[in-house]
Amino acid sequence: MDVDCEQCKEVETWWGYFRHLVDHLISKVNVHSCHENTYAMGKCQGRFPRATFEATTVDPETGHIDMKKREPWINTFTPLLTYLLRCNTDVMLLRSGTAIKAVLIYVSDYITKPSLKMHGFFNVIKSVFQRNKDMLDPSS
């Protein structure tokens, strides 16, 4: 980086903000903890803790990809999606038929839930923002 370049300094400052905000969001929304509604019959419904991998590897026989992941209690994520959406994204590679079927079943179950009235929906959003004000301001 050119120390006299103002644009370079601005870009570096922005990347610092980006990294700080993503780290803050990951610690707030991607760390799993079991609750009584997510832990049944001695087993976590979210499949935690998850396997960890020191490096990304590809099985040459099957083509299966294990992404580098060092934290067993954090969902897989991408920094860009976390920054843009500011929520738990639980990123998944959809390279197998089984993974695609699992996502389709999840989405179809989710969208066929009984309708939530619009005022109820907005009350839920309002309460989430009120409980999580610090997610919107990483300096807090």
N, C-alpha and C. Protein backbone atom coordinates (compact mmCIF):
# COMPACT_ATOMS: atom_id res chain seq x y z
N MET A 1 0.85 -1.18 0.00
CA MET A 1 0.00 0.00 0.00
C MET A 1 0.89 1.24 0.00
N ASP A 2 0.54 2.18 -0.84
CA ASP A 2 1.25 3.46 -0.91
C ASP A 2 0.81 4.30 0.29
N VAL A 3 1.75 4.65 1.18
CA VAL A 3 1.39 5.37 2.41
C VAL A 3 0.86 6.77 2.14
N ASP A 4 1.14 7.32 0.95
CA ASP A 4 0.66 8.67 0.62
C ASP A 4 -0.65 8.65 -0.17
N CYS A 5 -1.14 7.49 -0.51
CA CYS A 5 -2.34 7.38 -1.34
C CYS A 5 -3.60 7.42 -0.45
N GLU A 6 -4.38 8.48 -0.57
CA GLU A 6 -5.60 8.63 0.25
C GLU A 6 -6.61 7.54 -0.06
N GLN A 7 -6.77 7.21 -1.33
CA GLN A 7 -7.74 6.17 -1.71
C GLN A 7 -7.32 4.82 -1.11
N CYS A 8 -6.01 4.53 -1.12
CA CYS A 8 -5.52 3.28 -0.52
C CYS A 8 -5.83 3.24 0.98
N LYS A 9 -5.65 4.37 1.66
CA LYS A 9 -5.95 4.44 3.09
C LYS A 9 -7.43 4.22 3.35
N GLU A 10 -8.29 4.80 2.51
CA GLU A 10 -9.73 4.63 2.67
C GLU A 10 -10.13 3.17 2.46
N VAL A 11 -9.55 2.54 1.44
CA VAL A 11 -9.86 1.13 1.18
C VAL A 11 -9.41 0.27 2.35
N GLU A 12 -8.21 0.50 2.85
CA GLU A 12 -7.71 -0.27 3.99
C GLU A 12 -8.57 -0.04 5.23
N THR A 13 -9.01 1.19 5.45
CA THR A 13 -9.91 1.50 6.57
C THR A 13 -11.22 0.74 6.42
N TRP A 14 -11.76 0.72 5.20
CA TRP A 14 -13.03 0.02 4.96
C TRP A 14 -12.87 -1.47 5.22
N TRP A 15 -11.77 -2.07 4.74
CA TRP A 15 -11.56 -3.50 4.97
C TRP A 15 -11.42 -3.80 6.46
N GLY A 16 -10.81 -2.91 7.20
CA GLY A 16 -10.73 -3.09 8.65
C GLY A 16 -12.12 -3.08 9.28
N TYR A 17 -12.97 -2.14 8.84
CA TYR A 17 -14.35 -2.08 9.33
C TYR A 17 -15.09 -3.36 8.95
N PHE A 18 -14.93 -3.81 7.71
CA PHE A 18 -15.57 -5.03 7.22
C PHE A 18 -15.20 -6.21 8.11
N ARG A 19 -13.90 -6.42 8.33
CA ARG A 19 -13.45 -7.55 9.15
C ARG A 19 -13.99 -7.45 10.58
N HIS A 20 -13.96 -6.26 11.15
CA HIS A 20 -14.47 -6.07 12.52
C HIS A 20 -15.96 -6.37 12.59
N LEU A 21 -16.73 -5.87 11.65
CA LEU A 21 -18.18 -6.09 11.66
C LEU A 21 -18.51 -7.57 11.45
N VAL A 22 -17.84 -8.22 10.51
CA VAL A 22 -18.10 -9.64 10.26
C VAL A 22 -17.75 -10.46 11.50
N ASP A 23 -16.61 -10.20 12.12
CA ASP A 23 -16.24 -10.92 13.36
C ASP A 23 -17.30 -10.72 14.44
N HIS A 24 -17.77 -9.49 14.58
CA HIS A 24 -18.81 -9.17 15.56
C HIS A 24 -20.09 -9.95 15.26
N LEU A 25 -20.52 -9.93 14.01
CA LEU A 25 -21.75 -10.63 13.63
C LEU A 25 -21.63 -12.13 13.83
N ILE A 26 -20.51 -12.71 13.42
CA ILE A 26 -20.32 -14.16 13.58
C ILE A 26 -20.42 -14.54 15.05
N SER A 27 -19.80 -13.76 15.92
CA SER A 27 -19.86 -14.09 17.35
C SER A 27 -21.27 -13.93 17.91
N LYS A 28 -22.09 -13.06 17.31
CA LYS A 28 -23.44 -12.84 17.81
C LYS A 28 -24.47 -13.80 17.23
N VAL A 29 -24.35 -14.15 15.94
CA VAL A 29 -25.44 -14.90 15.29
C VAL A 29 -25.07 -16.28 14.78
N ASN A 30 -23.80 -16.64 14.71
CA ASN A 30 -23.45 -17.94 14.15
C ASN A 30 -22.98 -18.96 15.17
N VAL A 31 -22.79 -18.57 16.41
CA VAL A 31 -22.35 -19.52 17.43
C VAL A 31 -23.59 -20.23 17.97
N HIS A 32 -23.60 -21.55 17.85
CA HIS A 32 -24.77 -22.33 18.27
C HIS A 32 -24.72 -22.63 19.76
N SER A 33 -25.88 -22.59 20.38
CA SER A 33 -26.02 -23.09 21.74
C SER A 33 -27.34 -23.83 21.81
N CYS A 34 -27.31 -24.99 22.42
CA CYS A 34 -28.52 -25.82 22.51
C CYS A 34 -29.48 -25.26 23.56
N HIS A 35 -30.74 -25.30 23.24
CA HIS A 35 -31.81 -24.93 24.17
C HIS A 35 -32.76 -26.11 24.26
N GLU A 36 -33.70 -26.06 25.18
CA GLU A 36 -34.57 -27.22 25.34
C GLU A 36 -35.40 -27.52 24.09
N ASN A 37 -35.66 -26.51 23.26
CA ASN A 37 -36.43 -26.78 22.03
C ASN A 37 -35.53 -27.26 20.88
N THR A 38 -34.21 -27.25 21.05
CA THR A 38 -33.31 -27.72 19.99
C THR A 38 -32.53 -28.96 20.42
N TYR A 39 -32.80 -29.47 21.60
CA TYR A 39 -32.06 -30.61 22.13
C TYR A 39 -33.07 -31.66 22.58
N ALA A 40 -33.17 -32.75 21.84
CA ALA A 40 -34.16 -33.77 22.17
C ALA A 40 -33.50 -35.15 22.20
N MET A 41 -33.92 -35.96 23.13
CA MET A 41 -33.44 -37.34 23.27
C MET A 41 -31.91 -37.41 23.30
N GLY A 42 -31.29 -36.47 24.02
CA GLY A 42 -29.85 -36.49 24.17
C GLY A 42 -29.07 -36.11 22.93
N LYS A 43 -29.74 -35.46 21.98
CA LYS A 43 -29.08 -35.14 20.71
C LYS A 43 -29.47 -33.74 20.26
N CYS A 44 -28.49 -32.98 19.78
CA CYS A 44 -28.74 -31.64 19.27
C CYS A 44 -29.42 -31.72 17.92
N GLN A 45 -30.57 -31.04 17.79
CA GLN A 45 -31.31 -31.04 16.52
C GLN A 45 -30.53 -30.34 15.41
N GLY A 46 -29.63 -29.44 15.77
CA GLY A 46 -28.83 -28.71 14.78
C GLY A 46 -27.56 -29.45 14.37
N ARG A 47 -27.38 -30.68 14.85
CA ARG A 47 -26.22 -31.51 14.52
C ARG A 47 -24.90 -30.91 15.02
N PHE A 48 -24.94 -30.25 16.17
CA PHE A 48 -23.73 -29.69 16.77
C PHE A 48 -23.27 -30.60 17.89
N PRO A 49 -21.97 -30.62 18.19
CA PRO A 49 -20.88 -29.95 17.49
C PRO A 49 -20.63 -30.62 16.14
N ARG A 50 -20.14 -29.84 15.19
CA ARG A 50 -19.88 -30.33 13.84
C ARG A 50 -18.40 -30.64 13.66
N ALA A 51 -18.12 -31.44 12.64
CA ALA A 51 -16.74 -31.82 12.34
C ALA A 51 -15.92 -30.58 11.97
N THR A 52 -14.65 -30.62 12.33
CA THR A 52 -13.74 -29.53 11.97
C THR A 52 -12.70 -30.06 10.98
N PHE A 53 -12.17 -29.15 10.16
CA PHE A 53 -11.18 -29.50 9.15
C PHE A 53 -10.11 -28.41 9.12
N GLU A 54 -8.85 -28.80 9.24
CA GLU A 54 -7.75 -27.83 9.24
C GLU A 54 -7.52 -27.21 7.88
N ALA A 55 -7.90 -27.92 6.82
CA ALA A 55 -7.71 -27.41 5.46
C ALA A 55 -8.86 -27.88 4.58
N THR A 56 -9.10 -27.17 3.50
CA THR A 56 -10.11 -27.60 2.53
C THR A 56 -9.53 -28.77 1.74
N THR A 57 -10.32 -29.85 1.65
CA THR A 57 -9.86 -31.03 0.92
C THR A 57 -10.94 -31.51 -0.03
N VAL A 58 -10.51 -32.17 -1.10
CA VAL A 58 -11.42 -32.77 -2.07
C VAL A 58 -11.08 -34.25 -2.18
N ASP A 59 -12.09 -35.10 -1.99
CA ASP A 59 -11.89 -36.54 -2.16
C ASP A 59 -11.82 -36.83 -3.66
N PRO A 60 -10.68 -37.34 -4.16
CA PRO A 60 -10.55 -37.56 -5.60
C PRO A 60 -11.50 -38.63 -6.15
N GLU A 61 -11.93 -39.56 -5.29
CA GLU A 61 -12.84 -40.62 -5.73
C GLU A 61 -14.28 -40.12 -5.89
N THR A 62 -14.76 -39.38 -4.89
CA THR A 62 -16.17 -38.98 -4.88
C THR A 62 -16.39 -37.53 -5.26
N GLY A 63 -15.34 -36.72 -5.17
CA GLY A 63 -15.49 -35.28 -5.42
C GLY A 63 -16.04 -34.53 -4.21
N HIS A 64 -16.22 -35.24 -3.08
CA HIS A 64 -16.75 -34.61 -1.86
C HIS A 64 -15.77 -33.56 -1.36
N ILE A 65 -16.30 -32.38 -1.02
CA ILE A 65 -15.46 -31.29 -0.54
C ILE A 65 -15.71 -31.06 0.95
N ASP A 66 -14.63 -31.04 1.72
CA ASP A 66 -14.69 -30.64 3.13
C ASP A 66 -14.03 -29.28 3.21
N MET A 67 -14.82 -28.26 3.57
CA MET A 67 -14.30 -26.90 3.66
C MET A 67 -13.55 -26.72 4.97
N LYS A 68 -12.49 -25.91 4.92
CA LYS A 68 -11.73 -25.58 6.12
C LYS A 68 -12.69 -25.02 7.16
N LYS A 69 -12.67 -25.60 8.36
CA LYS A 69 -13.58 -25.19 9.43
C LYS A 69 -12.94 -25.57 10.75
N ARG A 70 -12.64 -24.58 11.58
CA ARG A 70 -11.92 -24.85 12.83
C ARG A 70 -12.79 -24.76 14.07
N GLU A 71 -14.02 -24.32 13.94
CA GLU A 71 -14.89 -24.13 15.10
C GLU A 71 -16.09 -25.08 15.04
N PRO A 72 -16.21 -26.02 15.98
CA PRO A 72 -17.30 -27.00 15.93
C PRO A 72 -18.68 -26.42 16.27
N TRP A 73 -18.73 -25.24 16.91
CA TRP A 73 -20.01 -24.66 17.33
C TRP A 73 -20.45 -23.48 16.48
N ILE A 74 -19.77 -23.25 15.35
CA ILE A 74 -20.14 -22.15 14.46
C ILE A 74 -20.59 -22.72 13.12
N ASN A 75 -21.73 -22.20 12.61
CA ASN A 75 -22.20 -22.59 11.29
C ASN A 75 -21.20 -22.18 10.22
N THR A 76 -21.21 -22.90 9.12
CA THR A 76 -20.38 -22.52 7.98
C THR A 76 -20.92 -21.19 7.44
N PHE A 77 -20.01 -20.28 7.11
CA PHE A 77 -20.45 -18.96 6.65
C PHE A 77 -19.49 -18.42 5.61
N THR A 78 -19.91 -17.39 4.91
CA THR A 78 -19.01 -16.64 4.04
C THR A 78 -19.05 -15.20 4.54
N PRO A 79 -17.90 -14.56 4.67
CA PRO A 79 -17.87 -13.19 5.19
C PRO A 79 -18.74 -12.22 4.39
N LEU A 80 -18.75 -12.34 3.06
CA LEU A 80 -19.52 -11.40 2.25
C LEU A 80 -21.02 -11.51 2.54
N LEU A 81 -21.56 -12.74 2.59
CA LEU A 81 -22.99 -12.90 2.90
C LEU A 81 -23.30 -12.42 4.31
N THR A 82 -22.42 -12.70 5.25
CA THR A 82 -22.63 -12.24 6.62
C THR A 82 -22.69 -10.72 6.66
N TYR A 83 -21.79 -10.06 5.94
CA TYR A 83 -21.76 -8.60 5.90
C TYR A 83 -23.03 -8.05 5.26
N LEU A 84 -23.43 -8.62 4.13
CA LEU A 84 -24.59 -8.10 3.40
C LEU A 84 -25.91 -8.37 4.11
N LEU A 85 -26.08 -9.58 4.64
CA LEU A 85 -27.37 -9.98 5.22
C LEU A 85 -27.45 -9.75 6.73
N ARG A 86 -26.30 -9.68 7.39
CA ARG A 86 -26.22 -9.46 8.83
C ARG A 86 -27.06 -10.46 9.63
N CYS A 87 -26.92 -11.72 9.23
CA CYS A 87 -27.65 -12.78 9.93
C CYS A 87 -26.89 -14.10 9.77
N ASN A 88 -27.36 -15.12 10.46
CA ASN A 88 -26.80 -16.46 10.35
C ASN A 88 -27.21 -17.03 9.00
N THR A 89 -26.25 -17.31 8.14
CA THR A 89 -26.57 -17.80 6.80
C THR A 89 -26.39 -19.30 6.66
N ASP A 90 -25.59 -19.95 7.48
CA ASP A 90 -25.34 -21.39 7.42
C ASP A 90 -25.15 -21.85 5.98
N VAL A 91 -24.08 -21.40 5.35
CA VAL A 91 -23.78 -21.68 3.95
C VAL A 91 -23.52 -23.17 3.75
N MET A 92 -24.05 -23.70 2.65
CA MET A 92 -23.91 -25.12 2.36
C MET A 92 -23.57 -25.31 0.88
N LEU A 93 -22.66 -26.20 0.60
CA LEU A 93 -22.31 -26.52 -0.77
C LEU A 93 -23.32 -27.53 -1.30
N LEU A 94 -23.98 -27.21 -2.40
CA LEU A 94 -25.03 -28.08 -2.95
C LEU A 94 -24.50 -28.85 -4.16
N ARG A 95 -23.57 -29.76 -3.91
CA ARG A 95 -22.99 -30.53 -5.01
C ARG A 95 -23.53 -31.94 -5.07
N SER A 96 -24.33 -32.34 -4.09
CA SER A 96 -24.86 -33.70 -4.13
C SER A 96 -26.38 -33.66 -4.14
N GLY A 97 -26.96 -34.70 -4.67
CA GLY A 97 -28.42 -34.81 -4.70
C GLY A 97 -29.01 -34.82 -3.30
N THR A 98 -28.31 -35.46 -2.36
CA THR A 98 -28.79 -35.52 -0.98
C THR A 98 -28.86 -34.12 -0.36
N ALA A 99 -27.83 -33.32 -0.58
CA ALA A 99 -27.80 -31.96 -0.03
C ALA A 99 -28.92 -31.12 -0.64
N ILE A 100 -29.12 -31.25 -1.93
CA ILE A 100 -30.17 -30.48 -2.60
C ILE A 100 -31.55 -30.90 -2.09
N LYS A 101 -31.77 -32.20 -1.93
CA LYS A 101 -33.05 -32.69 -1.40
C LYS A 101 -33.29 -32.16 0.01
N ALA A 102 -32.25 -32.18 0.84
CA ALA A 102 -32.39 -31.70 2.22
C ALA A 102 -32.81 -30.23 2.24
N VAL A 103 -32.20 -29.42 1.38
CA VAL A 103 -32.55 -27.99 1.33
C VAL A 103 -33.98 -27.82 0.82
N LEU A 104 -34.37 -28.57 -0.21
CA LEU A 104 -35.74 -28.46 -0.73
C LEU A 104 -36.77 -28.85 0.32
N ILE A 105 -36.51 -29.90 1.08
CA ILE A 105 -37.43 -30.31 2.15
C ILE A 105 -37.52 -29.21 3.21
N TYR A 106 -36.38 -28.66 3.61
CA TYR A 106 -36.36 -27.60 4.61
C TYR A 106 -37.16 -26.39 4.14
N VAL A 107 -36.91 -25.95 2.91
CA VAL A 107 -37.60 -24.77 2.37
C VAL A 107 -39.09 -25.04 2.24
N SER A 108 -39.47 -26.21 1.73
CA SER A 108 -40.90 -26.49 1.57
C SER A 108 -41.60 -26.56 2.92
N ASP A 109 -40.95 -27.16 3.93
CA ASP A 109 -41.53 -27.17 5.29
C ASP A 109 -41.68 -25.75 5.82
N TYR A 110 -40.68 -24.93 5.56
CA TYR A 110 -40.67 -23.56 6.08
C TYR A 110 -41.77 -22.71 5.44
N ILE A 111 -41.92 -22.80 4.11
CA ILE A 111 -42.89 -21.93 3.44
C ILE A 111 -44.32 -22.42 3.56
N THR A 112 -44.52 -23.66 4.01
CA THR A 112 -45.89 -24.15 4.18
C THR A 112 -46.37 -24.05 5.62
N LYS A 113 -45.62 -23.37 6.48
CA LYS A 113 -46.08 -23.14 7.85
C LYS A 113 -47.35 -22.29 7.80
N PRO A 114 -48.21 -22.42 8.82
CA PRO A 114 -49.41 -21.57 8.83
C PRO A 114 -49.03 -20.09 8.75
N SER A 115 -49.84 -19.34 8.06
CA SER A 115 -49.54 -17.92 7.83
C SER A 115 -49.47 -17.14 9.13
N LEU A 116 -48.54 -16.22 9.16
CA LEU A 116 -48.41 -15.29 10.26
C LEU A 116 -49.04 -13.99 9.81
N LYS A 117 -49.91 -13.43 10.62
CA LYS A 117 -50.56 -12.16 10.27
C LYS A 117 -49.49 -11.08 10.13
N MET A 118 -49.72 -10.12 9.23
CA MET A 118 -48.72 -9.09 8.94
C MET A 118 -48.33 -8.31 10.19
N HIS A 119 -49.30 -7.93 11.04
CA HIS A 119 -48.94 -7.18 12.25
C HIS A 119 -48.09 -8.05 13.19
N GLY A 120 -48.37 -9.33 13.23
CA GLY A 120 -47.56 -10.24 14.04
C GLY A 120 -46.14 -10.35 13.51
N PHE A 121 -46.02 -10.38 12.20
CA PHE A 121 -44.73 -10.44 11.54
C PHE A 121 -43.89 -9.21 11.89
N PHE A 122 -44.50 -8.02 11.79
CA PHE A 122 -43.78 -6.79 12.11
C PHE A 122 -43.43 -6.70 13.59
N ASN A 123 -44.28 -7.22 14.46
CA ASN A 123 -43.96 -7.24 15.89
C ASN A 123 -42.75 -8.13 16.17
N VAL A 124 -42.67 -9.26 15.45
CA VAL A 124 -41.52 -10.14 15.61
C VAL A 124 -40.24 -9.43 15.18
N ILE A 125 -40.28 -8.77 14.02
CA ILE A 125 -39.11 -8.04 13.53
C ILE A 125 -38.70 -6.95 14.52
N LYS A 126 -39.69 -6.20 15.02
CA LYS A 126 -39.41 -5.13 15.98
C LYS A 126 -38.74 -5.68 17.24
N SER A 127 -39.25 -6.79 17.76
CA SER A 127 -38.69 -7.35 18.99
C SER A 127 -37.27 -7.88 18.77
N VAL A 128 -37.01 -8.45 17.59
CA VAL A 128 -35.66 -8.93 17.29
C VAL A 128 -34.68 -7.76 17.27
N PHE A 129 -35.06 -6.66 16.61
CA PHE A 129 -34.17 -5.49 16.57
C PHE A 129 -33.98 -4.88 17.96
N GLN A 130 -35.03 -4.86 18.77
CA GLN A 130 -34.90 -4.29 20.11
C GLN A 130 -33.98 -5.13 20.98
N ARG A 131 -34.05 -6.46 20.83
CA ARG A 131 -33.19 -7.34 21.63
C ARG A 131 -31.75 -7.36 21.14
N ASN A 132 -31.54 -7.00 19.89
CA ASN A 132 -30.21 -7.14 19.29
C ASN A 132 -29.68 -5.83 18.74
N LYS A 133 -29.87 -4.74 19.47
CA LYS A 133 -29.41 -3.43 19.00
C LYS A 133 -27.91 -3.42 18.73
N ASP A 134 -27.15 -4.17 19.52
CA ASP A 134 -25.69 -4.18 19.35
C ASP A 134 -25.26 -4.82 18.03
N MET A 135 -26.12 -5.62 17.39
CA MET A 135 -25.78 -6.20 16.08
C MET A 135 -25.70 -5.11 15.01
N LEU A 136 -26.48 -4.06 15.18
CA LEU A 136 -26.50 -2.99 14.19
C LEU A 136 -25.35 -2.03 14.38
N ASP A 137 -24.77 -2.01 15.58
CA ASP A 137 -23.66 -1.11 15.88
C ASP A 137 -22.52 -1.91 16.50
N PRO A 138 -21.53 -2.30 15.70
CA PRO A 138 -20.46 -3.16 16.22
C PRO A 138 -19.57 -2.48 17.25
N SER A 139 -19.66 -1.17 17.40
CA SER A 139 -18.82 -0.48 18.38
C SER A 139 -19.34 -0.66 19.80
N SER A 140 -20.57 -1.20 19.93
CA SER A 140 -21.13 -1.38 21.28
C SER A 140 -20.68 -2.68 21.90
